[in-house]
Amino acid sequence: MDPLDPASTLRRITALTDAALAELAQARTPAAVADARRSALGKSSPLAAVRRDLGRYDPASRKQLGLALSEAHQRLATAFAAKAFAETALDHPLDPTIPGLPPPTAGLHPVTQLRDDLDDAFRALNFTVVEGPEISSAEREFDRLNFPADHPARESMDTYWLADGRCLRPHLTGASVRHLSTNAPPVRIAYPGRVYRNESTDARHERAFFQYEVLVVDDAVPLATARFLVDTILGTVFGEPVRTRMRAGYFPFVEPGFEIDMACRVCSGRGCRTCGRTGWLEVMPGGSPHPHVLRAAGLDPARWSGCYLNVGLDRLAMMRYGIDDVRLMHSADLRFLTQFA
């Protein structure tokens, strides 16, 4: 063959392309497809040699041969792409109509398991489980909950504010007023959901975490109702009585208010990094809805009273399963999550 004969070179390009397609058609494994690709399109392939020789032709022939090479390359690239898509690493043909099988370790997240158990327990007590939006406003999250205008929780160091003036809910308590505003007492609601706080993370704190709120509003609700609700929550979670203590605490939306601690189950009350070496872990605040909160919901505090609790689901899950770092539950690490399947 005369290397300077454009017609002969065009026929050679066509023949090399057809030969590469024939070799590809015979490839039955990914390795064979890869070998065929190297033979057809690699730097040492015959087509690559033809391209390197283009400089020996006159300008008109170079243009014609360059176009033919480009078309051949595109034709081969398309064929190899289609073959690579169809080939699998299986040693048998793939049947896409066969139903898939779930992973052997599939299961619910530990917080989800805990939330479902609490939902069942409170539904059995004639509570209604409600939901609400994660994007809220200063009015719902602070103004109606008796937070003063200069309260630090309103600052960006504690709350995530959006560009339009709204915020990611920092707690679930705003849902209480929202629900009471549209539902006349008596009210019994349980409200699970995720909340957001702009704070540093450590073994006990995360920027996004889950809470579980319980609210009762009725005629003359005694504060002793709180003890019954605490026992219901912790008994459901752990399946046995749990040692707790109640301390006076201040929260703008309750009066009186209290905090409830439980004995740390990671260290059995001896002290560890999960409980801050105290042997106790704060799990929930509570109290009676503040008169200002009831008024914000359109209720007469002289007529209605109630009991409120808000529990951190993440911390309860840590106690239930012996987890010593809350960040693990938000890590999406399958090595951790598959332990609870």
C-alpha atoms as a PDB file:
ATOM      1  CA  MET A   1       0.000   0.000   0.000  1.00  0.00           C
ATOM      2  CA  ASP A   2       1.282   3.447  -0.899  1.00  0.00           C
ATOM      3  CA  PRO A   3       1.219   5.445   2.396  1.00  0.00           C
ATOM      4  CA  LEU A   4       0.651   8.627   0.433  1.00  0.00           C
ATOM      5  CA  ASP A   5      -2.412   7.307  -1.433  1.00  0.00           C
ATOM      6  CA  PRO A   6      -5.454   8.937   0.302  1.00  0.00           C
ATOM      7  CA  ALA A   7      -7.913   6.443  -1.214  1.00  0.00           C
ATOM      8  CA  SER A   8      -5.975   3.480   0.156  1.00  0.00           C
ATOM      9  CA  THR A   9      -5.740   5.143   3.565  1.00  0.00           C
ATOM     10  CA  LEU A  10      -9.503   5.768   3.608  1.00  0.00           C
ATOM     11  CA  ARG A  11     -10.094   2.070   2.885  1.00  0.00           C
ATOM     12  CA  ARG A  12      -7.628   1.183   5.669  1.00  0.00           C
ATOM     13  CA  ILE A  13      -9.504   3.382   8.168  1.00  0.00           C
ATOM     14  CA  THR A  14     -12.776   1.664   7.250  1.00  0.00           C
ATOM     15  CA  ALA A  15     -11.213  -1.795   7.517  1.00  0.00           C
ATOM     16  CA  LEU A  16      -9.635  -1.048  10.904  1.00  0.00           C
ATOM     17  CA  THR A  17     -12.953   0.280  12.218  1.00  0.00           C
ATOM     18  CA  ASP A  18     -14.869  -2.784  11.065  1.00  0.00           C
ATOM     19  CA  ALA A  19     -12.233  -5.080  12.585  1.00  0.00           C
ATOM     20  CA  ALA A  20     -12.433  -3.260  15.931  1.00  0.00           C
ATOM     21  CA  LEU A  21     -16.242  -3.549  15.945  1.00  0.00           C
ATOM     22  CA  ALA A  22     -15.987  -7.267  15.173  1.00  0.00           C
ATOM     23  CA  GLU A  23     -13.547  -7.775  18.059  1.00  0.00           C
ATOM     24  CA  LEU A  24     -15.885  -5.861  20.361  1.00  0.00           C
ATOM     25  CA  ALA A  25     -18.819  -8.037  19.341  1.00  0.00           C
ATOM     26  CA  GLN A  26     -16.858 -11.130  20.399  1.00  0.00           C
ATOM     27  CA  ALA A  27     -15.943  -9.677  23.831  1.00  0.00           C
ATOM     28  CA  ARG A  28     -17.893 -11.437  26.588  1.00  0.00           C
ATOM     29  CA  THR A  29     -16.271 -10.047  29.737  1.00  0.00           C
ATOM     30  CA  PRO A  30     -15.345  -6.573  31.002  1.00  0.00           C
ATOM     31  CA  ALA A  31     -11.659  -7.494  30.638  1.00  0.00           C
ATOM     32  CA  ALA A  32     -12.166  -8.494  26.998  1.00  0.00           C
ATOM     33  CA  VAL A  33     -13.996  -5.224  26.317  1.00  0.00           C
ATOM     34  CA  ALA A  34     -11.114  -3.275  27.881  1.00  0.00           C
ATOM     35  CA  ASP A  35      -8.586  -5.154  25.699  1.00  0.00           C
ATOM     36  CA  ALA A  36     -10.621  -4.449  22.580  1.00  0.00           C
ATOM     37  CA  ARG A  37     -10.805  -0.759  23.481  1.00  0.00           C
ATOM     38  CA  ARG A  38      -7.036  -0.526  23.848  1.00  0.00           C
ATOM     39  CA  SER A  39      -6.533  -2.291  20.514  1.00  0.00           C
ATOM     40  CA  ALA A  40      -8.937   0.039  18.728  1.00  0.00           C
ATOM     41  CA  LEU A  41      -8.418   3.409  20.431  1.00  0.00           C
ATOM     42  CA  GLY A  42      -5.163   3.163  22.390  1.00  0.00           C
ATOM     43  CA  LYS A  43      -2.020   5.171  21.669  1.00  0.00           C
ATOM     44  CA  SER A  44      -0.437   2.132  19.982  1.00  0.00           C
ATOM     45  CA  SER A  45      -3.500   1.244  17.886  1.00  0.00           C
ATOM     46  CA  PRO A  46      -3.351   1.196  14.040  1.00  0.00           C
ATOM     47  CA  LEU A  47      -5.792   4.102  13.868  1.00  0.00           C
ATOM     48  CA  ALA A  48      -3.498   6.158  16.090  1.00  0.00           C
ATOM     49  CA  ALA A  49      -0.636   5.362  13.707  1.00  0.00           C
ATOM     50  CA  VAL A  50      -2.691   6.621  10.762  1.00  0.00           C
ATOM     51  CA  ARG A  51      -3.372   9.866  12.631  1.00  0.00           C
ATOM     52  CA  ARG A  52       0.352  10.355  13.316  1.00  0.00           C
ATOM     53  CA  ASP A  53       1.089  10.027   9.582  1.00  0.00           C
ATOM     54  CA  LEU A  54      -1.381  12.724   8.500  1.00  0.00           C
ATOM     55  CA  GLY A  55       1.414  15.278   8.254  1.00  0.00           C
ATOM     56  CA  ARG A  56       2.804  13.427   5.222  1.00  0.00           C
ATOM     57  CA  TYR A  57      -0.273  14.190   3.100  1.00  0.00           C
ATOM     58  CA  ASP A  58      -1.151  17.318   1.189  1.00  0.00           C
ATOM     59  CA  PRO A  59      -3.553  19.778   2.917  1.00  0.00           C
ATOM     60  CA  ALA A  60      -6.665  18.658   1.035  1.00  0.00           C
ATOM     61  CA  SER A  61      -6.009  14.982   1.798  1.00  0.00           C
ATOM     62  CA  ARG A  62      -5.212  15.756   5.454  1.00  0.00           C
ATOM     63  CA  LYS A  63      -8.628  17.376   5.859  1.00  0.00           C
ATOM     64  CA  GLN A  64     -10.412  14.426   4.228  1.00  0.00           C
ATOM     65  CA  LEU A  65      -8.505  11.813   6.213  1.00  0.00           C
ATOM     66  CA  GLY A  66      -8.842  13.756   9.488  1.00  0.00           C
ATOM     67  CA  LEU A  67     -12.618  13.852   9.059  1.00  0.00           C
ATOM     68  CA  ALA A  68     -12.689  10.096   8.360  1.00  0.00           C
ATOM     69  CA  LEU A  69     -10.595   9.387  11.455  1.00  0.00           C
ATOM     70  CA  SER A  70     -12.855  11.535  13.613  1.00  0.00           C
ATOM     71  CA  GLU A  71     -15.953   9.726  12.366  1.00  0.00           C
ATOM     72  CA  ALA A  72     -14.309   6.345  12.969  1.00  0.00           C
ATOM     73  CA  HIS A  73     -13.281   7.361  16.492  1.00  0.00           C
ATOM     74  CA  GLN A  74     -16.802   8.592  17.301  1.00  0.00           C
ATOM     75  CA  ARG A  75     -18.343   5.407  15.923  1.00  0.00           C
ATOM     76  CA  LEU A  76     -16.034   3.219  18.007  1.00  0.00           C
ATOM     77  CA  ALA A  77     -16.404   5.321  21.172  1.00  0.00           C
ATOM     78  CA  THR A  78     -20.190   5.062  20.933  1.00  0.00           C
ATOM     79  CA  ALA A  79     -20.039   1.292  20.437  1.00  0.00           C
ATOM     80  CA  PHE A  80     -17.683   0.776  23.370  1.00  0.00           C
ATOM     81  CA  ALA A  81     -19.804   2.980  25.644  1.00  0.00           C
ATOM     82  CA  ALA A  82     -22.921   0.944  24.825  1.00  0.00           C
ATOM     83  CA  LYS A  83     -21.062  -2.320  25.385  1.00  0.00           C
ATOM     84  CA  ALA A  84     -19.637  -1.152  28.718  1.00  0.00           C
ATOM     85  CA  PHE A  85     -23.125  -0.180  29.879  1.00  0.00           C
ATOM     86  CA  ALA A  86     -24.531  -3.599  28.991  1.00  0.00           C
ATOM     87  CA  GLU A  87     -21.697  -5.684  30.420  1.00  0.00           C
ATOM     88  CA  THR A  88     -21.621  -6.658  34.106  1.00  0.00           C
ATOM     89  CA  ALA A  89     -19.176  -8.426  36.346  1.00  0.00           C
ATOM     90  CA  LEU A  90     -21.628 -11.311  36.699  1.00  0.00           C
ATOM     91  CA  ASP A  91     -20.704 -14.753  35.410  1.00  0.00           C
ATOM     92  CA  HIS A  92     -24.248 -15.118  34.045  1.00  0.00           C
ATOM     93  CA  PRO A  93     -26.645 -12.907  32.075  1.00  0.00           C
ATOM     94  CA  LEU A  94     -28.337 -10.193  34.126  1.00  0.00           C
ATOM     95  CA  ASP A  95     -32.125 -10.533  34.506  1.00  0.00           C
ATOM     96  CA  PRO A  96     -33.507  -7.115  35.557  1.00  0.00           C
ATOM     97  CA  THR A  97     -36.987  -8.591  36.149  1.00  0.00           C
ATOM     98  CA  ILE A  98     -35.877 -10.571  39.231  1.00  0.00           C
ATOM     99  CA  PRO A  99     -37.182  -8.830  42.431  1.00  0.00           C
ATOM    100  CA  GLY A 100     -34.471  -7.312  44.579  1.00  0.00           C
ATOM    101  CA  LEU A 101     -33.668  -8.467  48.089  1.00  0.00           C
ATOM    102  CA  PRO A 102     -33.333  -6.073  51.051  1.00  0.00           C
ATOM    103  CA  PRO A 103     -29.924  -5.795  52.699  1.00  0.00           C
ATOM    104  CA  PRO A 104     -29.581  -8.418  55.439  1.00  0.00           C
ATOM    105  CA  THR A 105     -28.903  -5.734  58.051  1.00  0.00           C
ATOM    106  CA  ALA A 106     -31.738  -3.332  57.131  1.00  0.00           C
ATOM    107  CA  GLY A 107     -33.474  -1.721  60.106  1.00  0.00           C
ATOM    108  CA  LEU A 108     -34.664   1.486  61.719  1.00  0.00           C
ATOM    109  CA  HIS A 109     -32.396   4.138  63.188  1.00  0.00           C
ATOM    110  CA  PRO A 110     -32.229   3.920  67.019  1.00  0.00           C
ATOM    111  CA  VAL A 111     -33.922   7.321  67.392  1.00  0.00           C
ATOM    112  CA  THR A 112     -36.699   6.214  65.040  1.00  0.00           C
ATOM    113  CA  GLN A 113     -37.223   3.025  67.052  1.00  0.00           C
ATOM    114  CA  LEU A 114     -37.453   5.072  70.236  1.00  0.00           C
ATOM    115  CA  ARG A 115     -39.874   7.589  68.745  1.00  0.00           C
ATOM    116  CA  ASP A 116     -42.157   4.810  67.470  1.00  0.00           C
ATOM    117  CA  ASP A 117     -42.255   3.195  70.926  1.00  0.00           C
ATOM    118  CA  LEU A 118     -43.207   6.501  72.563  1.00  0.00           C
ATOM    119  CA  ASP A 119     -45.854   7.182  69.920  1.00  0.00           C
ATOM    120  CA  ASP A 120     -47.459   3.814  70.692  1.00  0.00           C
ATOM    121  CA  ALA A 121     -47.356   4.438  74.444  1.00  0.00           C
ATOM    122  CA  PHE A 122     -48.993   7.860  74.240  1.00  0.00           C
ATOM    123  CA  ARG A 123     -51.584   6.804  71.696  1.00  0.00           C
ATOM    124  CA  ALA A 124     -52.596   4.143  74.215  1.00  0.00           C
ATOM    125  CA  LEU A 125     -53.174   7.024  76.699  1.00  0.00           C
ATOM    126  CA  ASN A 126     -55.457   8.805  74.156  1.00  0.00           C
ATOM    127  CA  PHE A 127     -52.818  11.332  73.123  1.00  0.00           C
ATOM    128  CA  THR A 128     -52.781  12.633  69.561  1.00  0.00           C
ATOM    129  CA  VAL A 129     -49.399  12.535  67.795  1.00  0.00           C
ATOM    130  CA  VAL A 130     -48.947  15.744  65.787  1.00  0.00           C
ATOM    131  CA  GLU A 131     -46.347  17.202  63.446  1.00  0.00           C
ATOM    132  CA  GLY A 132     -45.266  20.695  62.483  1.00  0.00           C
ATOM    133  CA  PRO A 133     -42.981  22.628  60.115  1.00  0.00           C
ATOM    134  CA  GLU A 134     -39.233  22.819  60.756  1.00  0.00           C
ATOM    135  CA  ILE A 135     -39.124  26.429  59.469  1.00  0.00           C
ATOM    136  CA  SER A 136     -40.843  28.826  61.852  1.00  0.00           C
ATOM    137  CA  SER A 137     -40.754  32.456  62.984  1.00  0.00           C
ATOM    138  CA  ALA A 138     -39.678  34.611  65.912  1.00  0.00           C
ATOM    139  CA  GLU A 139     -43.319  35.184  66.789  1.00  0.00           C
ATOM    140  CA  ARG A 140     -44.121  31.480  67.159  1.00  0.00           C
ATOM    141  CA  GLU A 141     -40.818  30.383  68.701  1.00  0.00           C
ATOM    142  CA  PHE A 142     -40.189  33.323  71.060  1.00  0.00           C
ATOM    143  CA  ASP A 143     -42.848  36.056  71.243  1.00  0.00           C
ATOM    144  CA  ARG A 144     -45.758  33.720  72.036  1.00  0.00           C
ATOM    145  CA  LEU A 145     -43.620  31.696  74.436  1.00  0.00           C
ATOM    146  CA  ASN A 146     -42.880  34.609  76.771  1.00  0.00           C
ATOM    147  CA  PHE A 147     -39.224  35.031  75.740  1.00  0.00           C
ATOM    148  CA  PRO A 148     -38.110  38.615  76.490  1.00  0.00           C
ATOM    149  CA  ALA A 149     -36.846  40.702  73.599  1.00  0.00           C
ATOM    150  CA  ASP A 150     -33.235  40.522  74.820  1.00  0.00           C
ATOM    151  CA  HIS A 151     -33.185  36.776  75.511  1.00  0.00           C
ATOM    152  CA  PRO A 152     -29.946  35.199  74.192  1.00  0.00           C
ATOM    153  CA  ALA A 153     -31.860  32.383  72.475  1.00  0.00           C
ATOM    154  CA  ARG A 154     -33.015  34.978  69.936  1.00  0.00           C
ATOM    155  CA  GLU A 155     -29.419  35.670  68.869  1.00  0.00           C
ATOM    156  CA  SER A 156     -27.726  34.037  65.892  1.00  0.00           C
ATOM    157  CA  MET A 157     -25.262  32.390  68.290  1.00  0.00           C
ATOM    158  CA  ASP A 158     -28.107  30.137  69.456  1.00  0.00           C
ATOM    159  CA  THR A 159     -30.667  30.095  66.624  1.00  0.00           C
ATOM    160  CA  TYR A 160     -30.304  29.593  62.880  1.00  0.00           C
ATOM    161  CA  TRP A 161     -31.937  32.544  61.107  1.00  0.00           C
ATOM    162  CA  LEU A 162     -32.835  32.541  57.422  1.00  0.00           C
ATOM    163  CA  ALA A 163     -32.375  35.444  55.017  1.00  0.00           C
ATOM    164  CA  ASP A 164     -36.128  36.162  54.934  1.00  0.00           C
ATOM    165  CA  GLY A 165     -36.305  36.651  58.725  1.00  0.00           C
ATOM    166  CA  ARG A 166     -37.662  33.203  59.561  1.00  0.00           C
ATOM    167  CA  CYS A 167     -35.726  30.612  61.545  1.00  0.00           C
ATOM    168  CA  LEU A 168     -35.147  26.893  61.895  1.00  0.00           C
ATOM    169  CA  ARG A 169     -37.139  25.857  64.937  1.00  0.00           C
ATOM    170  CA  PRO A 170     -34.843  25.753  68.004  1.00  0.00           C
ATOM    171  CA  HIS A 171     -37.381  23.710  70.001  1.00  0.00           C
ATOM    172  CA  LEU A 172     -40.774  22.076  69.576  1.00  0.00           C
ATOM    173  CA  THR A 173     -42.586  24.270  72.094  1.00  0.00           C
ATOM    174  CA  GLY A 174     -43.842  26.669  69.450  1.00  0.00           C
ATOM    175  CA  ALA A 175     -46.062  23.850  68.191  1.00  0.00           C
ATOM    176  CA  SER A 176     -47.946  23.891  71.511  1.00  0.00           C
ATOM    177  CA  VAL A 177     -49.306  27.377  70.966  1.00  0.00           C
ATOM    178  CA  ARG A 178     -49.910  26.627  67.296  1.00  0.00           C
ATOM    179  CA  HIS A 179     -51.981  23.568  68.201  1.00  0.00           C
ATOM    180  CA  LEU A 180     -53.827  25.244  71.074  1.00  0.00           C
ATOM    181  CA  SER A 181     -54.708  28.179  68.803  1.00  0.00           C
ATOM    182  CA  THR A 182     -56.750  25.903  66.547  1.00  0.00           C
ATOM    183  CA  ASN A 183     -57.848  23.125  68.939  1.00  0.00           C
ATOM    184  CA  ALA A 184     -60.007  23.829  71.962  1.00  0.00           C
ATOM    185  CA  PRO A 185     -59.134  22.100  75.262  1.00  0.00           C
ATOM    186  CA  PRO A 186     -59.048  19.485  76.600  1.00  0.00           C
ATOM    187  CA  VAL A 187     -55.849  18.739  74.680  1.00  0.00           C
ATOM    188  CA  ARG A 188     -53.443  15.808  74.887  1.00  0.00           C
ATOM    189  CA  ILE A 189     -50.712  15.891  72.278  1.00  0.00           C
ATOM    190  CA  ALA A 190     -47.355  14.230  71.696  1.00  0.00           C
ATOM    191  CA  TYR A 191     -45.105  15.999  69.236  1.00  0.00           C
ATOM    192  CA  PRO A 192     -41.866  14.370  67.946  1.00  0.00           C
ATOM    193  CA  GLY A 193     -39.508  16.220  65.624  1.00  0.00           C
ATOM    194  CA  ARG A 194     -36.063  17.552  64.778  1.00  0.00           C
ATOM    195  CA  VAL A 195     -34.796  20.905  66.046  1.00  0.00           C
ATOM    196  CA  TYR A 196     -31.734  23.040  65.320  1.00  0.00           C
ATOM    197  CA  ARG A 197     -29.309  24.873  67.600  1.00  0.00           C
ATOM    198  CA  ASN A 198     -26.244  26.883  66.610  1.00  0.00           C
ATOM    199  CA  GLU A 199     -23.828  25.419  69.122  1.00  0.00           C
ATOM    200  CA  SER A 200     -20.538  23.559  69.331  1.00  0.00           C
ATOM    201  CA  THR A 201     -20.709  19.791  69.076  1.00  0.00           C
ATOM    202  CA  ASP A 202     -19.339  17.325  71.593  1.00  0.00           C
ATOM    203  CA  ALA A 203     -20.275  13.936  73.022  1.00  0.00           C
ATOM    204  CA  ARG A 204     -23.573  15.317  74.362  1.00  0.00           C
ATOM    205  CA  HIS A 205     -24.488  18.101  71.898  1.00  0.00           C
ATOM    206  CA  GLU A 206     -25.322  18.306  68.211  1.00  0.00           C
ATOM    207  CA  ARG A 207     -26.462  21.134  65.931  1.00  0.00           C
ATOM    208  CA  ALA A 208     -29.491  19.117  64.797  1.00  0.00           C
ATOM    209  CA  PHE A 209     -31.192  16.669  67.141  1.00  0.00           C
ATOM    210  CA  PHE A 210     -34.567  15.181  67.998  1.00  0.00           C
ATOM    211  CA  GLN A 211     -36.997  16.103  70.744  1.00  0.00           C
ATOM    212  CA  TYR A 212     -40.274  14.635  71.963  1.00  0.00           C
ATOM    213  CA  GLU A 213     -42.800  17.016  73.492  1.00  0.00           C
ATOM    214  CA  VAL A 214     -45.875  16.127  75.532  1.00  0.00           C
ATOM    215  CA  LEU A 215     -48.610  18.609  76.473  1.00  0.00           C
ATOM    216  CA  VAL A 216     -51.797  18.265  78.499  1.00  0.00           C
ATOM    217  CA  VAL A 217     -54.251  21.174  78.876  1.00  0.00           C
ATOM    218  CA  ASP A 218     -57.464  20.625  80.816  1.00  0.00           C
ATOM    219  CA  ASP A 219     -59.374  21.672  83.922  1.00  0.00           C
ATOM    220  CA  ALA A 220     -57.168  21.840  87.043  1.00  0.00           C
ATOM    221  CA  VAL A 221     -54.288  19.658  85.849  1.00  0.00           C
ATOM    222  CA  PRO A 222     -52.156  18.838  88.923  1.00  0.00           C
ATOM    223  CA  LEU A 223     -48.386  19.150  88.696  1.00  0.00           C
ATOM    224  CA  ALA A 224     -48.189  15.524  89.850  1.00  0.00           C
ATOM    225  CA  THR A 225     -49.265  14.681  86.278  1.00  0.00           C
ATOM    226  CA  ALA A 226     -45.666  15.404  85.306  1.00  0.00           C
ATOM    227  CA  ARG A 227     -44.410  12.533  87.436  1.00  0.00           C
ATOM    228  CA  PHE A 228     -46.835  10.131  85.733  1.00  0.00           C
ATOM    229  CA  LEU A 229     -45.748  11.325  82.277  1.00  0.00           C
ATOM    230  CA  VAL A 230     -42.050  11.031  83.185  1.00  0.00           C
ATOM    231  CA  ASP A 231     -42.581   7.492  84.421  1.00  0.00           C
ATOM    232  CA  THR A 232     -44.491   6.671  81.224  1.00  0.00           C
ATOM    233  CA  ILE A 233     -41.700   7.990  79.015  1.00  0.00           C
ATOM    234  CA  LEU A 234     -38.784   6.399  80.837  1.00  0.00           C
ATOM    235  CA  GLY A 235     -40.616   3.149  81.553  1.00  0.00           C
ATOM    236  CA  THR A 236     -41.421   2.835  77.836  1.00  0.00           C
ATOM    237  CA  VAL A 237     -37.839   3.539  76.853  1.00  0.00           C
ATOM    238  CA  PHE A 238     -36.097   1.210  79.300  1.00  0.00           C
ATOM    239  CA  GLY A 239     -38.782  -1.307  80.194  1.00  0.00           C
ATOM    240  CA  GLU A 240     -38.231  -0.828  83.930  1.00  0.00           C
ATOM    241  CA  PRO A 241     -38.435   1.893  86.603  1.00  0.00           C
ATOM    242  CA  VAL A 242     -35.689   4.502  86.267  1.00  0.00           C
ATOM    243  CA  ARG A 243     -34.142   6.556  89.054  1.00  0.00           C
ATOM    244  CA  THR A 244     -34.808  10.255  88.458  1.00  0.00           C
ATOM    245  CA  ARG A 245     -34.616  13.575  90.229  1.00  0.00           C
ATOM    246  CA  MET A 246     -36.547  16.819  89.691  1.00  0.00           C
ATOM    247  CA  ARG A 247     -34.897  20.207  90.136  1.00  0.00           C
ATOM    248  CA  ALA A 248     -36.401  23.653  90.011  1.00  0.00           C
ATOM    249  CA  GLY A 249     -35.620  25.261  86.670  1.00  0.00           C
ATOM    250  CA  TYR A 250     -36.480  28.429  84.820  1.00  0.00           C
ATOM    251  CA  PHE A 251     -37.960  28.408  81.339  1.00  0.00           C
ATOM    252  CA  PRO A 252     -39.898  31.411  79.999  1.00  0.00           C
ATOM    253  CA  PHE A 253     -42.807  29.313  78.743  1.00  0.00           C
ATOM    254  CA  VAL A 254     -43.638  27.473  82.013  1.00  0.00           C
ATOM    255  CA  GLU A 255     -44.480  28.562  85.552  1.00  0.00           C
ATOM    256  CA  PRO A 256     -43.508  26.760  87.716  1.00  0.00           C
ATOM    257  CA  GLY A 257     -40.730  25.000  85.824  1.00  0.00           C
ATOM    258  CA  PHE A 258     -38.465  22.076  86.596  1.00  0.00           C
ATOM    259  CA  GLU A 259     -35.716  19.952  85.104  1.00  0.00           C
ATOM    260  CA  ILE A 260     -35.659  16.166  85.260  1.00  0.00           C
ATOM    261  CA  ASP A 261     -32.426  14.185  85.436  1.00  0.00           C
ATOM    262  CA  MET A 262     -32.021  10.444  85.223  1.00  0.00           C
ATOM    263  CA  ALA A 263     -29.196   8.278  86.500  1.00  0.00           C
ATOM    264  CA  CYS A 264     -26.678   7.779  83.683  1.00  0.00           C
ATOM    265  CA  ARG A 265     -27.047   4.277  82.308  1.00  0.00           C
ATOM    266  CA  VAL A 266     -23.710   4.338  80.512  1.00  0.00           C
ATOM    267  CA  CYS A 267     -21.799   4.438  83.791  1.00  0.00           C
ATOM    268  CA  SER A 268     -24.642   3.389  86.177  1.00  0.00           C
ATOM    269  CA  GLY A 269     -24.360   6.727  87.952  1.00  0.00           C
ATOM    270  CA  ARG A 270     -20.617   6.498  88.659  1.00  0.00           C
ATOM    271  CA  GLY A 271     -19.652   9.335  86.290  1.00  0.00           C
ATOM    272  CA  CYS A 272     -18.377   9.321  82.697  1.00  0.00           C
ATOM    273  CA  ARG A 273     -17.850  11.750  79.819  1.00  0.00           C
ATOM    274  CA  THR A 274     -21.438  11.234  78.640  1.00  0.00           C
ATOM    275  CA  CYS A 275     -22.866  12.605  81.913  1.00  0.00           C
ATOM    276  CA  GLY A 276     -20.079  15.117  82.505  1.00  0.00           C
ATOM    277  CA  ARG A 277     -18.700  12.999  85.389  1.00  0.00           C
ATOM    278  CA  THR A 278     -21.788  13.772  87.508  1.00  0.00           C
ATOM    279  CA  GLY A 279     -23.628  10.447  87.297  1.00  0.00           C
ATOM    280  CA  TRP A 280     -26.774  12.282  86.115  1.00  0.00           C
ATOM    281  CA  LEU A 281     -27.998  13.194  82.664  1.00  0.00           C
ATOM    282  CA  GLU A 282     -30.537  15.951  82.071  1.00  0.00           C
ATOM    283  CA  VAL A 283     -33.237  14.452  79.877  1.00  0.00           C
ATOM    284  CA  MET A 284     -36.195  16.819  79.955  1.00  0.00           C
ATOM    285  CA  PRO A 285     -37.545  20.134  81.183  1.00  0.00           C
ATOM    286  CA  GLY A 286     -41.158  20.540  82.166  1.00  0.00           C
ATOM    287  CA  GLY A 287     -43.720  22.544  84.059  1.00  0.00           C
ATOM    288  CA  SER A 288     -47.125  24.167  83.749  1.00  0.00           C
ATOM    289  CA  PRO A 289     -47.715  26.341  80.661  1.00  0.00           C
ATOM    290  CA  HIS A 290     -47.104  29.989  81.588  1.00  0.00           C
ATOM    291  CA  PRO A 291     -50.258  32.163  81.743  1.00  0.00           C
ATOM    292  CA  HIS A 292     -48.807  34.363  78.966  1.00  0.00           C
ATOM    293  CA  VAL A 293     -48.446  31.280  76.756  1.00  0.00           C
ATOM    294  CA  LEU A 294     -52.050  30.272  77.373  1.00  0.00           C
ATOM    295  CA  ARG A 295     -53.203  33.810  76.554  1.00  0.00           C
ATOM    296  CA  ALA A 296     -51.141  33.759  73.349  1.00  0.00           C
ATOM    297  CA  ALA A 297     -53.103  30.655  72.381  1.00  0.00           C
ATOM    298  CA  GLY A 298     -56.392  32.425  73.102  1.00  0.00           C
ATOM    299  CA  LEU A 299     -57.065  30.588  76.369  1.00  0.00           C
ATOM    300  CA  ASP A 300     -58.019  31.976  79.771  1.00  0.00           C
ATOM    301  CA  PRO A 301     -55.335  30.912  82.323  1.00  0.00           C
ATOM    302  CA  ALA A 302     -57.957  31.230  85.096  1.00  0.00           C
ATOM    303  CA  ARG A 303     -59.987  28.562  83.324  1.00  0.00           C
ATOM    304  CA  TRP A 304     -57.322  26.209  81.981  1.00  0.00           C
ATOM    305  CA  SER A 305     -54.100  24.700  83.293  1.00  0.00           C
ATOM    306  CA  GLY A 306     -51.740  22.086  82.015  1.00  0.00           C
ATOM    307  CA  CYS A 307     -48.547  20.064  82.132  1.00  0.00           C
ATOM    308  CA  TYR A 308     -45.678  20.194  79.667  1.00  0.00           C
ATOM    309  CA  LEU A 309     -42.596  17.983  79.104  1.00  0.00           C
ATOM    310  CA  ASN A 310     -39.925  18.057  76.410  1.00  0.00           C
ATOM    311  CA  VAL A 311     -37.479  15.175  76.209  1.00  0.00           C
ATOM    312  CA  GLY A 312     -34.299  14.883  74.140  1.00  0.00           C
ATOM    313  CA  LEU A 313     -34.724  11.731  72.072  1.00  0.00           C
ATOM    314  CA  ASP A 314     -31.044  11.549  71.167  1.00  0.00           C
ATOM    315  CA  ARG A 315     -29.980  11.454  74.813  1.00  0.00           C
ATOM    316  CA  LEU A 316     -32.592   8.848  75.665  1.00  0.00           C
ATOM    317  CA  ALA A 317     -31.384   6.702  72.775  1.00  0.00           C
ATOM    318  CA  MET A 318     -27.846   7.023  74.131  1.00  0.00           C
ATOM    319  CA  MET A 319     -29.037   5.733  77.492  1.00  0.00           C
ATOM    320  CA  ARG A 320     -31.157   2.995  75.980  1.00  0.00           C
ATOM    321  CA  TYR A 321     -28.436   1.538  73.781  1.00  0.00           C
ATOM    322  CA  GLY A 322     -25.326   2.488  75.750  1.00  0.00           C
ATOM    323  CA  ILE A 323     -24.052   4.988  73.165  1.00  0.00           C
ATOM    324  CA  ASP A 324     -21.380   7.314  74.528  1.00  0.00           C
ATOM    325  CA  ASP A 325     -21.306   9.968  71.768  1.00  0.00           C
ATOM    326  CA  VAL A 326     -24.405  11.628  70.283  1.00  0.00           C
ATOM    327  CA  ARG A 327     -22.517  12.501  67.093  1.00  0.00           C
ATOM    328  CA  LEU A 328     -22.469   8.835  66.084  1.00  0.00           C
ATOM    329  CA  MET A 329     -26.232   8.898  65.525  1.00  0.00           C
ATOM    330  CA  HIS A 330     -25.899  11.644  62.918  1.00  0.00           C
ATOM    331  CA  SER A 331     -22.800  10.291  61.195  1.00  0.00           C
ATOM    332  CA  ALA A 332     -24.497   7.996  58.638  1.00  0.00           C
ATOM    333  CA  ASP A 333     -21.753   5.487  59.454  1.00  0.00           C
ATOM    334  CA  LEU A 334     -23.112   2.058  58.520  1.00  0.00           C
ATOM    335  CA  ARG A 335     -20.690   0.365  60.904  1.00  0.00           C
ATOM    336  CA  PHE A 336     -22.575   2.098  63.716  1.00  0.00           C
ATOM    337  CA  LEU A 337     -26.112   1.999  62.328  1.00  0.00           C
ATOM    338  CA  THR A 338     -26.187  -1.703  61.423  1.00  0.00           C
ATOM    339  CA  GLN A 339     -25.718  -2.599  65.083  1.00  0.00           C
ATOM    340  CA  PHE A 340     -29.345  -1.602  65.725  1.00  0.00           C
ATOM    341  CA  ALA A 341     -30.979  -3.403  62.782  1.00  0.00           C
END
